[in-house]
Amino acid sequence: MGSGSWTTASYSAYASTSGKLYSATTGRVTGQVFHQSHIDPSLDPKHFMIRECVDSDEHPNTVPIILGLDVTGSMGSACKETAEALNVIMTNLYKKYKDIEFCVMGIGDLAYDDAPIQMSQFESDVRIAEAVDKIYMEHGGGGNSYESYTAAWYMGLKRTKLDRIEKQGRKGIIITMGDEPLNPYLPVQELNEAANCTEQADIETDKLYEEASKNFDIYHIAIDDRSSCYASYRNEIKNSFGKLLGQNFKVSTINELSAKIEECIDNSLMKNGSSEMPEMNAINENGEISW
């Protein structure tokens, strides 16, 4: 786990065996289908204690990145786009950062869903794509006007062992995406059941952010798409996420999503350093980075 590096050759071979059509011209695939009808045991927090991202001779300065996908009913297009653009995202990132490792999460609604927390191991090669394909798109959610986005913060803080934090003294990265406002808390009973933990009270979002942000740069990407709920919650999303995350709160269309994920990682590693920092050429008038 955490060994190897992402290559287009290994990904295109994997895509072929998993029923997708890979385009050498675009680097993308088409035909992404999430086949899971229930949570995969390998992603179920009831079956593991921690997820590790540890330094090695191959990757001496690991950068742990948690990518949280909203798997509720209105976010299928964003998850599909992330999966189909995965090779483009990874190829671009690995040109710049040789020691990044990805943990993929599926985030639902603790109050309503059967599998509201799914979490892969940290990987640095084609197993990232395998983890994405194992995600159970429950298409759930409920009527509370938010999903359990901060479960990614909680799991990053409580259920990981990360050398970047413990040995390097630098921050990891958490990126979530969704189309509803920030959840005010994680309900204790449902959290304990889903994540196999023993909390004694609801996990309030402000306090969780205060602790998790010591170890992670935390980003959220709101998905502005016709199939999403963003238009219905535009002001509430900006007020809740924007107030807490500041410039780390982003808004993206589906077409811009892969670039926005890369932008979050570039921004974090500019501040906190990586094993191989590229030379920055310029920051344009929109605050975007060019290399």
Protein backbone atom coordinates (compact mmCIF):
# COMPACT_ATOMS: atom_id res chain seq x y z
CA MET A 1 0.00 0.00 0.00
CA GLY A 2 1.32 3.41 -0.96
CA SER A 3 3.96 1.93 -3.25
CA GLY A 4 4.39 2.52 -6.96
CA SER A 5 3.45 5.60 -8.97
CA TRP A 6 0.63 6.53 -11.28
CA THR A 7 1.27 5.78 -14.97
CA THR A 8 -0.99 6.22 -17.96
CA ALA A 9 0.01 2.78 -19.23
CA SER A 10 -1.17 0.99 -16.10
CA TYR A 11 -4.33 3.08 -15.98
CA SER A 12 -5.28 2.50 -19.62
CA ALA A 13 -4.79 -1.26 -19.11
CA TYR A 14 -6.96 -1.16 -15.99
CA ALA A 15 -9.64 0.91 -17.74
CA SER A 16 -9.84 -1.66 -20.53
CA THR A 17 -10.31 -4.56 -18.13
CA SER A 18 -12.97 -2.66 -16.17
CA GLY A 19 -15.16 -1.92 -19.16
CA LYS A 20 -14.24 1.70 -19.86
CA LEU A 21 -13.08 3.22 -23.13
CA TYR A 22 -9.75 5.04 -22.78
CA SER A 23 -8.80 7.85 -25.16
CA ALA A 24 -5.09 8.40 -25.72
CA THR A 25 -5.93 11.80 -27.19
CA THR A 26 -7.67 13.21 -24.11
CA GLY A 27 -6.29 10.92 -21.40
CA ARG A 28 -9.85 10.41 -20.19
CA VAL A 29 -12.21 7.46 -20.16
CA THR A 30 -15.87 7.16 -21.02
CA GLY A 31 -18.34 4.58 -19.81
CA GLN A 32 -17.82 5.03 -16.07
CA VAL A 33 -20.42 3.04 -14.13
CA PHE A 34 -20.50 2.61 -10.37
CA HIS A 35 -21.57 -1.02 -10.00
CA GLN A 36 -21.59 -1.42 -6.22
CA SER A 37 -24.98 -2.19 -4.66
CA HIS A 38 -23.68 -1.97 -1.08
CA ILE A 39 -20.59 -0.80 0.75
CA ASP A 40 -17.44 -2.69 -0.20
CA PRO A 41 -15.89 -4.32 2.91
CA SER A 42 -12.49 -2.85 2.03
CA LEU A 43 -13.95 0.67 2.38
CA ASP A 44 -16.06 0.00 5.48
CA PRO A 45 -14.73 1.70 8.65
CA LYS A 46 -16.08 -1.24 10.65
CA HIS A 47 -13.33 -3.37 9.10
CA PHE A 48 -10.25 -1.23 9.75
CA MET A 49 -8.75 0.85 12.53
CA ILE A 50 -6.57 3.33 10.64
CA ARG A 51 -5.47 4.30 7.15
CA GLU A 52 -1.73 4.86 6.77
CA CYS A 53 0.40 7.13 4.61
CA VAL A 54 4.00 6.42 5.62
CA ASP A 55 7.33 7.50 4.15
CA SER A 56 9.48 4.96 2.33
CA ASP A 57 12.61 4.81 0.19
CA GLU A 58 10.36 5.07 -2.87
CA HIS A 59 8.29 7.93 -1.44
CA PRO A 60 10.41 9.64 1.25
CA ASN A 61 8.20 12.75 1.65
CA THR A 62 4.64 11.54 1.37
CA VAL A 63 1.76 13.95 0.87
CA PRO A 64 -1.57 12.41 2.03
CA ILE A 65 -4.62 13.65 0.14
CA ILE A 66 -8.16 12.68 1.14
CA LEU A 67 -10.67 13.17 -1.68
CA GLY A 68 -14.25 12.99 -0.43
CA LEU A 69 -16.96 12.33 -3.01
CA ASP A 70 -20.58 13.17 -2.21
CA VAL A 71 -22.40 9.93 -3.10
CA THR A 72 -25.94 11.17 -2.50
CA GLY A 73 -28.64 11.41 -5.15
CA SER A 74 -27.84 14.74 -6.80
CA MET A 75 -24.07 14.33 -7.10
CA GLY A 76 -23.77 11.45 -9.55
CA SER A 77 -22.51 13.69 -12.36
CA ALA A 78 -19.64 15.07 -10.24
CA CYS A 79 -18.55 11.59 -9.16
CA LYS A 80 -18.72 10.34 -12.75
CA GLU A 81 -16.66 13.30 -13.96
CA THR A 82 -14.03 12.76 -11.27
CA ALA A 83 -13.71 9.12 -12.25
CA GLU A 84 -13.57 9.78 -16.00
CA ALA A 85 -11.00 12.58 -15.59
CA LEU A 86 -8.94 10.69 -12.98
CA ASN A 87 -6.03 9.90 -15.27
CA VAL A 88 -5.75 13.54 -16.34
CA ILE A 89 -5.76 14.70 -12.73
CA MET A 90 -3.21 12.14 -11.58
CA THR A 91 -0.93 12.53 -14.59
CA ASN A 92 -0.78 16.29 -14.13
CA LEU A 93 -0.12 15.99 -10.42
CA TYR A 94 2.55 13.28 -10.67
CA LYS A 95 4.51 15.43 -13.09
CA LYS A 96 4.95 17.84 -10.22
CA TYR A 97 4.72 15.83 -7.00
CA LYS A 98 6.18 12.34 -6.93
CA ASP A 99 5.17 11.51 -3.36
CA ILE A 100 1.43 12.25 -3.28
CA GLU A 101 -0.86 9.47 -2.06
CA PHE A 102 -4.63 9.49 -2.38
CA CYS A 103 -7.31 8.19 -0.06
CA VAL A 104 -10.76 8.13 -1.69
CA MET A 105 -13.87 8.57 0.44
CA GLY A 106 -17.57 8.28 -0.25
CA ILE A 107 -19.60 10.67 1.92
CA GLY A 108 -23.34 10.42 2.42
CA ASP A 109 -25.76 11.51 5.14
CA LEU A 110 -25.29 9.97 8.58
CA ALA A 111 -28.90 10.69 9.47
CA TYR A 112 -30.41 8.80 6.53
CA ASP A 113 -27.96 6.57 4.64
CA ASP A 114 -26.88 2.96 5.11
CA ALA A 115 -23.25 3.63 4.09
CA PRO A 116 -22.52 7.31 4.85
CA ILE A 117 -18.76 6.83 5.32
CA GLN A 118 -16.55 4.88 2.92
CA MET A 119 -12.75 5.19 3.04
CA SER A 120 -9.95 3.61 1.02
CA GLN A 121 -6.30 3.10 1.93
CA PHE A 122 -3.79 5.72 0.78
CA GLU A 123 -2.38 4.69 -2.61
CA SER A 124 -0.02 6.18 -5.18
CA ASP A 125 -0.68 4.08 -8.27
CA VAL A 126 -3.58 2.61 -10.25
CA ARG A 127 -5.11 1.33 -7.03
CA ILE A 128 -6.52 4.84 -6.67
CA ALA A 129 -8.72 4.10 -9.69
CA GLU A 130 -9.66 0.73 -8.22
CA ALA A 131 -10.77 2.46 -5.02
CA VAL A 132 -12.90 4.94 -6.97
CA ASP A 133 -14.64 2.07 -8.75
CA LYS A 134 -15.39 0.39 -5.40
CA ILE A 135 -17.34 3.42 -4.16
CA TYR A 136 -20.99 2.66 -3.48
CA MET A 137 -23.16 5.38 -5.01
CA GLU A 138 -26.02 5.05 -2.57
CA HIS A 139 -27.92 8.00 -4.10
CA GLY A 140 -29.34 8.72 -0.67
CA GLY A 141 -29.39 11.83 1.46
CA GLY A 142 -32.40 13.27 3.20
CA GLY A 143 -34.42 16.35 4.01
CA ASN A 144 -32.02 18.05 6.42
CA SER A 145 -30.46 20.34 3.74
CA TYR A 146 -26.89 19.10 4.22
CA GLU A 147 -24.79 15.96 3.92
CA SER A 148 -22.17 14.71 6.40
CA TYR A 149 -19.24 16.41 4.66
CA THR A 150 -17.22 16.81 7.85
CA ALA A 151 -17.01 13.04 8.24
CA ALA A 152 -13.95 13.37 5.97
CA TRP A 153 -12.39 15.78 8.49
CA TYR A 154 -13.23 13.44 11.36
CA MET A 155 -11.79 10.36 9.67
CA GLY A 156 -8.66 12.24 8.64
CA LEU A 157 -8.13 13.42 12.20
CA LYS A 158 -9.10 10.27 14.09
CA ARG A 159 -8.46 7.32 11.79
CA THR A 160 -5.17 7.96 10.01
CA LYS A 161 -1.44 7.57 10.64
CA LEU A 162 0.41 10.13 8.52
CA ASP A 163 4.17 10.60 8.44
CA ARG A 164 3.76 13.99 6.80
CA ILE A 165 2.25 15.25 10.05
CA GLU A 166 4.09 13.13 12.61
CA LYS A 167 7.59 13.15 11.05
CA GLN A 168 7.68 15.96 8.50
CA GLY A 169 5.69 18.43 10.59
CA ARG A 170 3.62 19.53 7.58
CA LYS A 171 -0.06 19.37 6.68
CA GLY A 172 -2.00 16.87 4.63
CA ILE A 173 -4.89 17.83 2.36
CA ILE A 174 -8.62 17.12 2.55
CA ILE A 175 -10.87 18.00 -0.41
CA THR A 176 -14.61 17.40 -0.29
CA MET A 177 -17.19 18.20 -2.92
CA GLY A 178 -20.94 18.58 -2.72
CA ASP A 179 -23.99 20.70 -3.47
CA GLU A 180 -25.53 21.47 -0.08
CA PRO A 181 -24.60 23.68 2.91
CA LEU A 182 -22.04 22.71 5.53
CA ASN A 183 -23.44 20.33 8.13
CA PRO A 184 -23.46 21.87 11.64
CA TYR A 185 -22.47 18.63 13.41
CA LEU A 186 -21.99 14.87 13.09
CA PRO A 187 -24.68 13.00 15.10
CA VAL A 188 -22.99 10.84 17.69
CA GLN A 189 -25.13 7.71 17.53
CA GLU A 190 -25.03 7.44 13.75
CA LEU A 191 -21.32 8.33 13.64
CA ASN A 192 -20.43 5.63 16.15
CA GLU A 193 -22.43 3.08 14.20
CA ALA A 194 -21.03 3.97 10.80
CA ALA A 195 -17.40 4.51 11.80
CA ASN A 196 -17.13 1.99 14.63
CA CYS A 197 -16.07 4.62 17.14
CA THR A 198 -17.05 5.56 20.70
CA GLU A 199 -17.75 9.28 20.77
CA GLN A 200 -19.84 10.54 23.69
CA ALA A 201 -21.51 13.54 22.07
CA ASP A 202 -22.28 15.09 18.70
CA ILE A 203 -19.17 16.36 16.89
CA GLU A 204 -19.70 20.08 16.39
CA THR A 205 -18.34 21.36 13.08
CA ASP A 206 -16.57 24.47 14.41
CA LYS A 207 -14.65 22.49 17.02
CA LEU A 208 -13.84 19.70 14.56
CA TYR A 209 -12.48 22.22 12.06
CA GLU A 210 -10.33 23.84 14.73
CA GLU A 211 -8.66 20.50 15.43
CA ALA A 212 -8.55 19.04 11.92
CA SER A 213 -7.16 22.22 10.36
CA LYS A 214 -4.06 21.88 12.51
CA ASN A 215 -3.17 18.76 10.51
CA PHE A 216 -4.83 19.40 7.14
CA ASP A 217 -5.47 22.12 4.62
CA ILE A 218 -9.21 21.65 4.20
CA TYR A 219 -10.97 22.51 0.93
CA HIS A 220 -14.54 22.18 -0.25
CA ILE A 221 -15.72 22.41 -3.85
CA ALA A 222 -19.38 23.30 -4.34
CA ILE A 223 -20.71 21.81 -7.58
CA ASP A 224 -22.70 24.27 -9.66
CA ASP A 225 -24.49 22.06 -12.16
CA ARG A 226 -28.01 21.66 -13.53
CA SER A 227 -28.29 18.22 -11.95
CA SER A 228 -27.08 19.42 -8.54
CA CYS A 229 -28.88 21.26 -5.74
CA TYR A 230 -26.41 24.15 -5.74
CA ALA A 231 -28.82 26.71 -7.18
CA SER A 232 -31.32 26.02 -4.41
CA TYR A 233 -28.75 26.50 -1.64
CA ARG A 234 -26.34 28.99 -3.24
CA ASN A 235 -26.38 31.58 -0.44
CA GLU A 236 -26.47 29.03 2.39
CA ILE A 237 -23.52 27.14 0.89
CA LYS A 238 -21.42 30.28 0.51
CA ASN A 239 -22.31 31.54 3.97
CA SER A 240 -21.57 28.25 5.75
CA PHE A 241 -18.52 26.94 3.91
CA GLY A 242 -17.18 30.36 2.99
CA LYS A 243 -17.30 31.63 6.57
CA LEU A 244 -15.27 28.72 7.88
CA LEU A 245 -12.93 27.93 4.99
CA GLY A 246 -12.40 31.35 3.45
CA GLN A 247 -10.42 31.08 0.21
CA ASN A 248 -10.36 27.28 0.58
CA PHE A 249 -14.02 27.24 -0.38
CA LYS A 250 -14.39 26.87 -4.16
CA VAL A 251 -17.27 26.76 -6.64
CA SER A 252 -16.94 24.69 -9.81
CA THR A 253 -18.93 23.54 -12.78
CA ILE A 254 -18.64 19.90 -13.82
CA ASN A 255 -16.34 20.83 -16.71
CA GLU A 256 -13.99 22.75 -14.40
CA LEU A 257 -13.94 20.13 -11.65
CA SER A 258 -10.70 18.29 -12.47
CA ALA A 259 -8.78 21.56 -12.76
CA LYS A 260 -10.30 22.78 -9.48
CA ILE A 261 -9.11 19.64 -7.66
CA GLU A 262 -5.59 20.21 -9.00
CA GLU A 263 -5.77 23.87 -8.00
CA CYS A 264 -6.55 22.99 -4.39
CA ILE A 265 -3.56 20.66 -4.20
CA ASP A 266 -1.24 23.17 -5.87
CA ASN A 267 -2.35 25.89 -3.45
CA SER A 268 -1.75 23.70 -0.41
CA LEU A 269 1.67 22.49 -1.51
CA MET A 270 2.79 26.01 -2.33
CA LYS A 271 2.16 26.87 1.32
CA ASN A 272 3.36 23.68 2.99
CA GLY A 273 5.95 22.28 0.60
CA SER A 274 6.26 18.90 -1.08
CA SER A 275 9.00 16.50 -2.06
CA GLU A 276 9.33 18.14 -5.46
CA MET A 277 7.97 21.64 -5.77
CA PRO A 278 7.66 22.84 -9.38
CA GLU A 279 8.75 26.30 -10.33
CA MET A 280 5.82 28.68 -10.42
CA ASN A 281 5.78 30.84 -13.51
CA ALA A 282 3.00 33.24 -12.66
CA ILE A 283 -0.29 33.88 -10.92
CA ASN A 284 -2.77 35.45 -13.29
CA GLU A 285 -5.33 38.13 -12.53
CA ASN A 286 -7.85 35.50 -11.41
CA GLY A 287 -5.45 34.09 -8.83
CA GLU A 288 -4.83 30.94 -10.86
CA ILE A 289 -1.41 29.31 -10.92
CA SER A 290 0.59 28.61 -14.06
CA TRP A 291 3.66 26.41 -14.07
